[in-house]
Amino acid sequence: MAIFVTGGGGKTSKAVASQLKDASIPFVVGSTRGVQASSQGIDAVKFDWTDESTYPIPFEHEFSNGEKITAVYIVAGPVADPSPAINSFVDYAMKEHGVKRFVLCGGETLKKGGPFVGTVWSHLEEVGAEYLVLLPTWFLENYLDWFYLPLKDENKIYTCAGDATMAFVSSEDIAALAIKGLTSEKPFNCDFTVHGPELITHDQLAEKFSKVLGRKIEHVRVTQEKRASMLAEAGFPAAFAQFIAYLEANVWNKEVDEATARVTGKKLLTCDEFIAKHKAAWL
């Protein structure tokens, strides 16, 4: 058994790779940067969803004990409609290399057969693959990039979320569930909503940052239009910035889904624990 981890630079892909490494499970990471994305104990190969010539490369990787890739962790690349390319790779992996197992990481609003990678979900069912679809809510790790500079430099968290409650989840916990899907003896063949252990508002999250960092952190409420503009100014493609602002304004959690804790059997990372763990990043 060996795992192919796509989206090498992504939050959950990095966490999946790290946990596979710690568990001594053979794997290789796919990245548009190729071998330059390798690090100690983590091998990377050239892979690009939009370039079919790279599809054979991960299967040519030589594992230490001759293992073959049996499962793939799927994270979409930064393209407007990734489904056709991902479905092509799924077909290639199944037909040419006998891969049966796939774990797809989407988002909480993803619908089977719907936009973005919704048609990947339906395709996995149609071709008879063994699969698990992850539907995570907002990542805590967003505060290490999207929200990083305003939090560090201005002591502010800007959102258009208002009083919405969120079950913020760590990439580490998403990865733990992904690995269950990749390595379990029996396939799940279903989807899981992926939540953290608590419901809080952004005002409450700002209070938690204030307590740990020892300075006042303010949640600044802006309009959806303003939020999209801010994200675009920060470097996000305009369409993606508008999509994120829409989600921020319209998607919230009313209760905690406990599937992740139940299936992984682990204590999920709280907001307080996450902030304390990464405290140095915002000092």
C-alpha atoms as a PDB file:
ATOM      1  CA  MET A   1       0.000   0.000   0.000  1.00  0.00           C
ATOM      2  CA  ALA A   2       1.138   3.520  -0.857  1.00  0.00           C
ATOM      3  CA  ILE A   3      -0.698   6.838  -1.020  1.00  0.00           C
ATOM      4  CA  PHE A   4      -0.533   9.599  -3.618  1.00  0.00           C
ATOM      5  CA  VAL A   5      -1.210  13.000  -2.024  1.00  0.00           C
ATOM      6  CA  THR A   6      -2.211  15.722  -4.490  1.00  0.00           C
ATOM      7  CA  GLY A   7      -2.225  19.446  -3.761  1.00  0.00           C
ATOM      8  CA  GLY A   8       1.209  19.335  -2.165  1.00  0.00           C
ATOM      9  CA  GLY A   9       1.159  22.981  -1.117  1.00  0.00           C
ATOM     10  CA  GLY A  10      -2.312  22.898   0.422  1.00  0.00           C
ATOM     11  CA  LYS A  11      -3.117  23.005   4.139  1.00  0.00           C
ATOM     12  CA  THR A  12      -4.731  19.586   4.376  1.00  0.00           C
ATOM     13  CA  SER A  13      -2.285  17.938   1.966  1.00  0.00           C
ATOM     14  CA  LYS A  14       0.652  19.048   4.096  1.00  0.00           C
ATOM     15  CA  ALA A  15      -1.084  17.675   7.181  1.00  0.00           C
ATOM     16  CA  VAL A  16      -1.899  14.382   5.448  1.00  0.00           C
ATOM     17  CA  ALA A  17       1.730  14.006   4.323  1.00  0.00           C
ATOM     18  CA  SER A  18       3.038  14.763   7.812  1.00  0.00           C
ATOM     19  CA  GLN A  19       0.738  12.227   9.459  1.00  0.00           C
ATOM     20  CA  LEU A  20       1.499   9.549   6.869  1.00  0.00           C
ATOM     21  CA  LYS A  21       5.190  10.135   7.527  1.00  0.00           C
ATOM     22  CA  ASP A  22       4.689   9.803  11.285  1.00  0.00           C
ATOM     23  CA  ALA A  23       2.733   6.582  10.752  1.00  0.00           C
ATOM     24  CA  SER A  24       5.430   5.150   8.414  1.00  0.00           C
ATOM     25  CA  ILE A  25       2.866   4.710   5.623  1.00  0.00           C
ATOM     26  CA  PRO A  26       4.514   4.989   2.175  1.00  0.00           C
ATOM     27  CA  PHE A  27       3.384   8.007   0.169  1.00  0.00           C
ATOM     28  CA  VAL A  28       4.453  10.520  -2.429  1.00  0.00           C
ATOM     29  CA  VAL A  29       3.271  14.106  -2.844  1.00  0.00           C
ATOM     30  CA  GLY A  30       2.236  15.639  -6.153  1.00  0.00           C
ATOM     31  CA  SER A  31       3.107  19.280  -6.768  1.00  0.00           C
ATOM     32  CA  THR A  32       3.416  21.613  -9.740  1.00  0.00           C
ATOM     33  CA  ARG A  33       6.879  22.411  -8.316  1.00  0.00           C
ATOM     34  CA  GLY A  34       7.938  18.782  -8.677  1.00  0.00           C
ATOM     35  CA  VAL A  35      10.910  17.563  -6.666  1.00  0.00           C
ATOM     36  CA  GLN A  36      11.518  21.119  -5.407  1.00  0.00           C
ATOM     37  CA  ALA A  37       8.514  20.566  -3.143  1.00  0.00           C
ATOM     38  CA  SER A  38      10.315  17.695  -1.376  1.00  0.00           C
ATOM     39  CA  SER A  39      11.424  18.043   2.231  1.00  0.00           C
ATOM     40  CA  GLN A  40      13.035  15.793   4.802  1.00  0.00           C
ATOM     41  CA  GLY A  41      11.196  12.486   4.748  1.00  0.00           C
ATOM     42  CA  ILE A  42       8.672  13.726   2.181  1.00  0.00           C
ATOM     43  CA  ASP A  43       9.232  12.944  -1.503  1.00  0.00           C
ATOM     44  CA  ALA A  44       7.465  15.026  -4.123  1.00  0.00           C
ATOM     45  CA  VAL A  45       7.006  14.556  -7.852  1.00  0.00           C
ATOM     46  CA  LYS A  46       5.807  16.762 -10.682  1.00  0.00           C
ATOM     47  CA  PHE A  47       2.022  16.705 -10.977  1.00  0.00           C
ATOM     48  CA  ASP A  48      -0.419  19.109 -12.584  1.00  0.00           C
ATOM     49  CA  TRP A  49      -4.135  18.392 -12.926  1.00  0.00           C
ATOM     50  CA  THR A  50      -4.207  20.358 -16.182  1.00  0.00           C
ATOM     51  CA  ASP A  51      -1.264  18.484 -17.763  1.00  0.00           C
ATOM     52  CA  GLU A  52      -2.064  14.852 -18.566  1.00  0.00           C
ATOM     53  CA  SER A  53       1.588  14.168 -19.355  1.00  0.00           C
ATOM     54  CA  THR A  54       2.243  14.351 -15.591  1.00  0.00           C
ATOM     55  CA  TYR A  55      -0.367  11.707 -14.715  1.00  0.00           C
ATOM     56  CA  PRO A  56       2.037   8.728 -14.992  1.00  0.00           C
ATOM     57  CA  ILE A  57       4.775  10.374 -12.908  1.00  0.00           C
ATOM     58  CA  PRO A  58       3.560   9.491  -9.390  1.00  0.00           C
ATOM     59  CA  PHE A  59       3.142   5.856 -10.442  1.00  0.00           C
ATOM     60  CA  GLU A  60       6.764   5.790 -11.603  1.00  0.00           C
ATOM     61  CA  HIS A  61       7.979   6.760  -8.140  1.00  0.00           C
ATOM     62  CA  GLU A  62      10.106   4.024  -6.580  1.00  0.00           C
ATOM     63  CA  PHE A  63       9.053   3.243  -3.023  1.00  0.00           C
ATOM     64  CA  SER A  64      11.602   1.643  -0.716  1.00  0.00           C
ATOM     65  CA  ASN A  65       9.846  -1.718  -0.509  1.00  0.00           C
ATOM     66  CA  GLY A  66       8.350  -1.757  -3.972  1.00  0.00           C
ATOM     67  CA  GLU A  67       4.899  -0.603  -2.864  1.00  0.00           C
ATOM     68  CA  LYS A  68       2.368   0.503  -5.448  1.00  0.00           C
ATOM     69  CA  ILE A  69      -0.059   3.392  -5.154  1.00  0.00           C
ATOM     70  CA  THR A  70      -3.420   2.071  -3.965  1.00  0.00           C
ATOM     71  CA  ALA A  71      -5.172   5.278  -2.867  1.00  0.00           C
ATOM     72  CA  VAL A  72      -5.221   8.960  -3.806  1.00  0.00           C
ATOM     73  CA  TYR A  73      -5.960  12.060  -1.742  1.00  0.00           C
ATOM     74  CA  ILE A  74      -7.633  14.602  -4.026  1.00  0.00           C
ATOM     75  CA  VAL A  75      -7.402  18.361  -3.562  1.00  0.00           C
ATOM     76  CA  ALA A  76      -8.450  20.528  -6.508  1.00  0.00           C
ATOM     77  CA  GLY A  77      -5.979  22.886  -8.115  1.00  0.00           C
ATOM     78  CA  PRO A  78      -6.483  26.634  -8.583  1.00  0.00           C
ATOM     79  CA  VAL A  79      -8.591  26.396 -11.740  1.00  0.00           C
ATOM     80  CA  ALA A  80     -12.156  27.600 -12.355  1.00  0.00           C
ATOM     81  CA  ASP A  81     -13.566  24.153 -13.136  1.00  0.00           C
ATOM     82  CA  PRO A  82     -11.258  21.393 -11.899  1.00  0.00           C
ATOM     83  CA  SER A  83     -13.703  18.508 -12.273  1.00  0.00           C
ATOM     84  CA  PRO A  84     -12.973  17.444 -15.886  1.00  0.00           C
ATOM     85  CA  ALA A  85      -9.240  17.157 -15.224  1.00  0.00           C
ATOM     86  CA  ILE A  86      -9.682  15.362 -11.899  1.00  0.00           C
ATOM     87  CA  ASN A  87     -12.161  12.916 -13.419  1.00  0.00           C
ATOM     88  CA  SER A  88      -9.715  12.206 -16.234  1.00  0.00           C
ATOM     89  CA  PHE A  89      -7.021  11.389 -13.690  1.00  0.00           C
ATOM     90  CA  VAL A  90      -9.387   9.159 -11.689  1.00  0.00           C
ATOM     91  CA  ASP A  91     -10.167   7.215 -14.866  1.00  0.00           C
ATOM     92  CA  TYR A  92      -6.471   6.955 -15.705  1.00  0.00           C
ATOM     93  CA  ALA A  93      -5.477   5.806 -12.209  1.00  0.00           C
ATOM     94  CA  MET A  94      -8.202   3.173 -12.088  1.00  0.00           C
ATOM     95  CA  LYS A  95      -7.736   1.833 -15.624  1.00  0.00           C
ATOM     96  CA  GLU A  96      -3.967   1.952 -15.961  1.00  0.00           C
ATOM     97  CA  HIS A  97      -2.835   1.344 -12.383  1.00  0.00           C
ATOM     98  CA  GLY A  98      -5.692  -0.412 -10.622  1.00  0.00           C
ATOM     99  CA  VAL A  99      -6.248   2.297  -8.018  1.00  0.00           C
ATOM    100  CA  LYS A 100      -9.568   1.786  -6.244  1.00  0.00           C
ATOM    101  CA  ARG A 101      -9.574   4.183  -3.291  1.00  0.00           C
ATOM    102  CA  PHE A 102      -9.979   7.972  -3.407  1.00  0.00           C
ATOM    103  CA  VAL A 103     -10.545  10.602  -0.715  1.00  0.00           C
ATOM    104  CA  LEU A 104     -11.865  13.924  -2.015  1.00  0.00           C
ATOM    105  CA  CYS A 105     -11.553  17.079   0.090  1.00  0.00           C
ATOM    106  CA  GLY A 106     -14.210  19.602  -0.842  1.00  0.00           C
ATOM    107  CA  GLY A 107     -16.008  22.126   1.331  1.00  0.00           C
ATOM    108  CA  GLU A 108     -19.084  22.173   3.505  1.00  0.00           C
ATOM    109  CA  THR A 109     -21.294  23.620   0.745  1.00  0.00           C
ATOM    110  CA  LEU A 110     -20.272  21.009  -1.830  1.00  0.00           C
ATOM    111  CA  LYS A 111     -23.158  19.061  -3.390  1.00  0.00           C
ATOM    112  CA  LYS A 112     -22.915  15.778  -5.257  1.00  0.00           C
ATOM    113  CA  GLY A 113     -23.082  16.551  -8.973  1.00  0.00           C
ATOM    114  CA  GLY A 114     -22.895  20.274  -8.268  1.00  0.00           C
ATOM    115  CA  PRO A 115     -20.341  22.983  -9.118  1.00  0.00           C
ATOM    116  CA  PHE A 116     -16.621  22.914  -8.460  1.00  0.00           C
ATOM    117  CA  VAL A 117     -15.751  19.293  -7.528  1.00  0.00           C
ATOM    118  CA  GLY A 118     -19.335  18.148  -7.064  1.00  0.00           C
ATOM    119  CA  THR A 119     -19.125  16.225 -10.335  1.00  0.00           C
ATOM    120  CA  VAL A 120     -15.953  14.501  -9.095  1.00  0.00           C
ATOM    121  CA  TRP A 121     -18.022  13.177  -6.208  1.00  0.00           C
ATOM    122  CA  SER A 122     -20.714  11.848  -8.544  1.00  0.00           C
ATOM    123  CA  HIS A 123     -18.074  10.468 -10.927  1.00  0.00           C
ATOM    124  CA  LEU A 124     -16.444   8.447  -8.147  1.00  0.00           C
ATOM    125  CA  GLU A 125     -19.791   6.783  -7.525  1.00  0.00           C
ATOM    126  CA  GLU A 126     -20.496   6.242 -11.206  1.00  0.00           C
ATOM    127  CA  VAL A 127     -17.195   4.452 -11.895  1.00  0.00           C
ATOM    128  CA  GLY A 128     -17.484   2.245  -8.815  1.00  0.00           C
ATOM    129  CA  ALA A 129     -14.541   3.689  -6.909  1.00  0.00           C
ATOM    130  CA  GLU A 130     -14.093   3.252  -3.177  1.00  0.00           C
ATOM    131  CA  TYR A 131     -14.352   6.771  -1.825  1.00  0.00           C
ATOM    132  CA  LEU A 132     -14.764   9.218   1.017  1.00  0.00           C
ATOM    133  CA  VAL A 133     -15.796  12.846   0.500  1.00  0.00           C
ATOM    134  CA  LEU A 134     -14.765  15.344   3.170  1.00  0.00           C
ATOM    135  CA  LEU A 135     -16.867  18.474   3.673  1.00  0.00           C
ATOM    136  CA  PRO A 136     -14.898  20.659   6.096  1.00  0.00           C
ATOM    137  CA  THR A 137     -16.053  23.979   7.483  1.00  0.00           C
ATOM    138  CA  TRP A 138     -13.677  26.965   7.879  1.00  0.00           C
ATOM    139  CA  PHE A 139     -10.044  26.061   8.595  1.00  0.00           C
ATOM    140  CA  LEU A 140      -8.308  27.446  11.660  1.00  0.00           C
ATOM    141  CA  GLU A 141      -5.176  27.579   9.500  1.00  0.00           C
ATOM    142  CA  ASN A 142      -6.754  30.428   7.533  1.00  0.00           C
ATOM    143  CA  TYR A 143      -5.471  32.596  10.379  1.00  0.00           C
ATOM    144  CA  LEU A 144      -1.958  31.689   9.321  1.00  0.00           C
ATOM    145  CA  ASP A 145      -2.478  33.065   5.804  1.00  0.00           C
ATOM    146  CA  TRP A 146      -5.743  34.743   4.674  1.00  0.00           C
ATOM    147  CA  PHE A 147      -6.210  36.581   7.968  1.00  0.00           C
ATOM    148  CA  TYR A 148      -2.545  36.648   8.946  1.00  0.00           C
ATOM    149  CA  LEU A 149      -1.319  40.174   8.156  1.00  0.00           C
ATOM    150  CA  PRO A 150      -4.336  42.127   9.486  1.00  0.00           C
ATOM    151  CA  LEU A 151      -4.229  40.017  12.644  1.00  0.00           C
ATOM    152  CA  LYS A 152      -0.487  40.455  13.133  1.00  0.00           C
ATOM    153  CA  ASP A 153      -0.051  44.048  11.946  1.00  0.00           C
ATOM    154  CA  GLU A 154      -3.417  45.706  12.660  1.00  0.00           C
ATOM    155  CA  ASN A 155      -4.771  43.551  15.520  1.00  0.00           C
ATOM    156  CA  LYS A 156      -7.917  43.082  13.443  1.00  0.00           C
ATOM    157  CA  ILE A 157      -9.930  40.240  11.940  1.00  0.00           C
ATOM    158  CA  TYR A 158     -12.000  41.440   8.977  1.00  0.00           C
ATOM    159  CA  THR A 159     -15.068  39.393   7.948  1.00  0.00           C
ATOM    160  CA  CYS A 160     -18.549  39.770   6.517  1.00  0.00           C
ATOM    161  CA  ALA A 161     -19.758  36.914   8.735  1.00  0.00           C
ATOM    162  CA  GLY A 162     -21.591  39.063  11.288  1.00  0.00           C
ATOM    163  CA  ASP A 163     -22.769  37.015  14.270  1.00  0.00           C
ATOM    164  CA  ALA A 164     -22.572  33.667  12.478  1.00  0.00           C
ATOM    165  CA  THR A 165     -21.325  30.756  14.564  1.00  0.00           C
ATOM    166  CA  MET A 166     -18.673  28.464  13.100  1.00  0.00           C
ATOM    167  CA  ALA A 167     -17.269  25.066  14.117  1.00  0.00           C
ATOM    168  CA  PHE A 168     -13.712  26.006  13.106  1.00  0.00           C
ATOM    169  CA  VAL A 169     -11.628  22.910  12.339  1.00  0.00           C
ATOM    170  CA  SER A 170      -7.897  22.264  12.134  1.00  0.00           C
ATOM    171  CA  SER A 171      -6.241  20.799   9.042  1.00  0.00           C
ATOM    172  CA  GLU A 172      -4.663  18.259  11.377  1.00  0.00           C
ATOM    173  CA  ASP A 173      -8.082  16.850  12.248  1.00  0.00           C
ATOM    174  CA  ILE A 174      -9.231  16.899   8.619  1.00  0.00           C
ATOM    175  CA  ALA A 175      -6.080  14.966   7.723  1.00  0.00           C
ATOM    176  CA  ALA A 176      -6.694  12.376  10.419  1.00  0.00           C
ATOM    177  CA  LEU A 177     -10.110  11.653   8.938  1.00  0.00           C
ATOM    178  CA  ALA A 178      -8.666  11.606   5.406  1.00  0.00           C
ATOM    179  CA  ILE A 179      -6.105   8.987   6.411  1.00  0.00           C
ATOM    180  CA  LYS A 180      -8.870   6.813   7.835  1.00  0.00           C
ATOM    181  CA  GLY A 181     -10.539   6.998   4.448  1.00  0.00           C
ATOM    182  CA  LEU A 182      -7.323   6.219   2.582  1.00  0.00           C
ATOM    183  CA  THR A 183      -6.195   3.266   4.692  1.00  0.00           C
ATOM    184  CA  SER A 184      -9.214   1.614   6.315  1.00  0.00           C
ATOM    185  CA  GLU A 185      -9.812  -2.000   5.378  1.00  0.00           C
ATOM    186  CA  LYS A 186     -13.397  -1.284   4.351  1.00  0.00           C
ATOM    187  CA  PRO A 187     -14.268   1.775   2.260  1.00  0.00           C
ATOM    188  CA  PHE A 188     -16.615   4.378   3.708  1.00  0.00           C
ATOM    189  CA  ASN A 189     -18.322   5.203   0.378  1.00  0.00           C
ATOM    190  CA  CYS A 190     -20.007   8.258   1.870  1.00  0.00           C
ATOM    191  CA  ASP A 191     -19.444  11.877   2.828  1.00  0.00           C
ATOM    192  CA  PHE A 192     -18.602  13.399   6.202  1.00  0.00           C
ATOM    193  CA  THR A 193     -19.171  16.946   7.354  1.00  0.00           C
ATOM    194  CA  VAL A 194     -15.941  17.914   9.118  1.00  0.00           C
ATOM    195  CA  HIS A 195     -16.313  20.170  12.143  1.00  0.00           C
ATOM    196  CA  GLY A 196     -14.138  21.181  15.030  1.00  0.00           C
ATOM    197  CA  PRO A 197     -15.308  20.652  18.626  1.00  0.00           C
ATOM    198  CA  GLU A 198     -17.006  24.006  19.363  1.00  0.00           C
ATOM    199  CA  LEU A 199     -19.307  26.670  17.943  1.00  0.00           C
ATOM    200  CA  ILE A 200     -18.087  30.258  18.257  1.00  0.00           C
ATOM    201  CA  THR A 201     -18.582  33.617  16.551  1.00  0.00           C
ATOM    202  CA  HIS A 202     -15.787  35.731  15.115  1.00  0.00           C
ATOM    203  CA  ASP A 203     -16.276  38.164  18.000  1.00  0.00           C
ATOM    204  CA  GLN A 204     -15.609  35.289  20.411  1.00  0.00           C
ATOM    205  CA  LEU A 205     -12.647  34.151  18.351  1.00  0.00           C
ATOM    206  CA  ALA A 206     -11.178  37.657  18.528  1.00  0.00           C
ATOM    207  CA  GLU A 207     -11.557  37.509  22.318  1.00  0.00           C
ATOM    208  CA  LYS A 208      -9.658  34.212  22.378  1.00  0.00           C
ATOM    209  CA  PHE A 209      -6.830  35.717  20.318  1.00  0.00           C
ATOM    210  CA  SER A 210      -6.771  38.718  22.668  1.00  0.00           C
ATOM    211  CA  LYS A 211      -6.440  36.507  25.728  1.00  0.00           C
ATOM    212  CA  VAL A 212      -3.598  34.371  24.348  1.00  0.00           C
ATOM    213  CA  LEU A 213      -1.673  37.148  22.582  1.00  0.00           C
ATOM    214  CA  GLY A 214      -2.015  39.625  25.423  1.00  0.00           C
ATOM    215  CA  ARG A 215      -3.312  42.474  23.284  1.00  0.00           C
ATOM    216  CA  LYS A 216      -6.713  43.601  22.005  1.00  0.00           C
ATOM    217  CA  ILE A 217      -7.792  41.839  18.796  1.00  0.00           C
ATOM    218  CA  GLU A 218     -10.903  43.284  17.167  1.00  0.00           C
ATOM    219  CA  HIS A 219     -13.368  41.624  14.816  1.00  0.00           C
ATOM    220  CA  VAL A 220     -14.200  44.248  12.191  1.00  0.00           C
ATOM    221  CA  ARG A 221     -17.470  43.698  10.347  1.00  0.00           C
ATOM    222  CA  VAL A 222     -17.518  44.649   6.661  1.00  0.00           C
ATOM    223  CA  THR A 223     -19.963  44.157   3.796  1.00  0.00           C
ATOM    224  CA  GLN A 224     -19.720  41.175   1.478  1.00  0.00           C
ATOM    225  CA  GLU A 225     -18.711  43.505  -1.357  1.00  0.00           C
ATOM    226  CA  LYS A 226     -15.976  45.108   0.740  1.00  0.00           C
ATOM    227  CA  ARG A 227     -14.713  41.723   1.876  1.00  0.00           C
ATOM    228  CA  ALA A 228     -14.416  40.492  -1.713  1.00  0.00           C
ATOM    229  CA  SER A 229     -12.522  43.660  -2.590  1.00  0.00           C
ATOM    230  CA  MET A 230     -10.139  43.169   0.341  1.00  0.00           C
ATOM    231  CA  LEU A 231      -9.405  39.577  -0.658  1.00  0.00           C
ATOM    232  CA  ALA A 232      -8.786  40.623  -4.267  1.00  0.00           C
ATOM    233  CA  GLU A 233      -6.413  43.347  -3.101  1.00  0.00           C
ATOM    234  CA  ALA A 234      -4.586  40.689  -1.062  1.00  0.00           C
ATOM    235  CA  GLY A 235      -3.906  38.738  -4.262  1.00  0.00           C
ATOM    236  CA  PHE A 236      -6.830  36.354  -4.661  1.00  0.00           C
ATOM    237  CA  PRO A 237      -8.319  35.975  -8.157  1.00  0.00           C
ATOM    238  CA  ALA A 238     -11.439  38.155  -8.367  1.00  0.00           C
ATOM    239  CA  ALA A 239     -13.897  35.296  -8.879  1.00  0.00           C
ATOM    240  CA  PHE A 240     -12.415  33.317  -5.987  1.00  0.00           C
ATOM    241  CA  ALA A 241     -12.460  36.398  -3.739  1.00  0.00           C
ATOM    242  CA  GLN A 242     -16.154  36.887  -4.475  1.00  0.00           C
ATOM    243  CA  PHE A 243     -16.858  33.211  -3.791  1.00  0.00           C
ATOM    244  CA  ILE A 244     -15.060  33.276  -0.428  1.00  0.00           C
ATOM    245  CA  ALA A 245     -16.869  36.473   0.572  1.00  0.00           C
ATOM    246  CA  TYR A 246     -20.187  34.877  -0.368  1.00  0.00           C
ATOM    247  CA  LEU A 247     -19.446  31.827   1.774  1.00  0.00           C
ATOM    248  CA  GLU A 248     -18.322  33.988   4.666  1.00  0.00           C
ATOM    249  CA  ALA A 249     -21.555  35.989   4.551  1.00  0.00           C
ATOM    250  CA  ASN A 250     -23.972  33.143   3.974  1.00  0.00           C
ATOM    251  CA  VAL A 251     -22.617  29.902   5.450  1.00  0.00           C
ATOM    252  CA  TRP A 252     -22.598  29.222   9.163  1.00  0.00           C
ATOM    253  CA  ASN A 253     -22.861  26.245  11.495  1.00  0.00           C
ATOM    254  CA  LYS A 254     -25.812  25.894  13.850  1.00  0.00           C
ATOM    255  CA  GLU A 255     -24.578  22.756  15.587  1.00  0.00           C
ATOM    256  CA  VAL A 256     -21.409  20.676  15.795  1.00  0.00           C
ATOM    257  CA  ASP A 257     -21.244  17.541  13.666  1.00  0.00           C
ATOM    258  CA  GLU A 258     -19.316  14.992  15.732  1.00  0.00           C
ATOM    259  CA  ALA A 259     -18.450  12.568  12.902  1.00  0.00           C
ATOM    260  CA  THR A 260     -14.766  13.552  12.807  1.00  0.00           C
ATOM    261  CA  ALA A 261     -14.198  12.911  16.508  1.00  0.00           C
ATOM    262  CA  ARG A 262     -16.206   9.684  16.344  1.00  0.00           C
ATOM    263  CA  VAL A 263     -14.447   8.202  13.322  1.00  0.00           C
ATOM    264  CA  THR A 264     -10.894   9.298  14.181  1.00  0.00           C
ATOM    265  CA  GLY A 265     -11.242   8.533  17.880  1.00  0.00           C
ATOM    266  CA  LYS A 266      -9.169  11.617  18.712  1.00  0.00           C
ATOM    267  CA  LYS A 267      -9.689  14.781  20.705  1.00  0.00           C
ATOM    268  CA  LEU A 268     -10.136  17.571  18.175  1.00  0.00           C
ATOM    269  CA  LEU A 269      -8.107  20.773  18.372  1.00  0.00           C
ATOM    270  CA  THR A 270      -9.955  23.677  20.004  1.00  0.00           C
ATOM    271  CA  CYS A 271      -9.538  27.299  18.982  1.00  0.00           C
ATOM    272  CA  ASP A 272      -7.703  28.038  22.242  1.00  0.00           C
ATOM    273  CA  GLU A 273      -5.285  25.158  21.640  1.00  0.00           C
ATOM    274  CA  PHE A 274      -4.669  26.227  18.040  1.00  0.00           C
ATOM    275  CA  ILE A 275      -3.936  29.834  19.003  1.00  0.00           C
ATOM    276  CA  ALA A 276      -1.600  28.769  21.813  1.00  0.00           C
ATOM    277  CA  LYS A 277       0.210  26.336  19.493  1.00  0.00           C
ATOM    278  CA  HIS A 278       0.876  29.003  16.854  1.00  0.00           C
ATOM    279  CA  LYS A 279       1.148  32.016  19.151  1.00  0.00           C
ATOM    280  CA  ALA A 280       4.597  32.995  17.895  1.00  0.00           C
ATOM    281  CA  ALA A 281       3.228  33.558  14.370  1.00  0.00           C
ATOM    282  CA  TRP A 282       1.245  36.636  15.462  1.00  0.00           C
ATOM    283  CA  LEU A 283       3.726  38.218  17.880  1.00  0.00           C
END
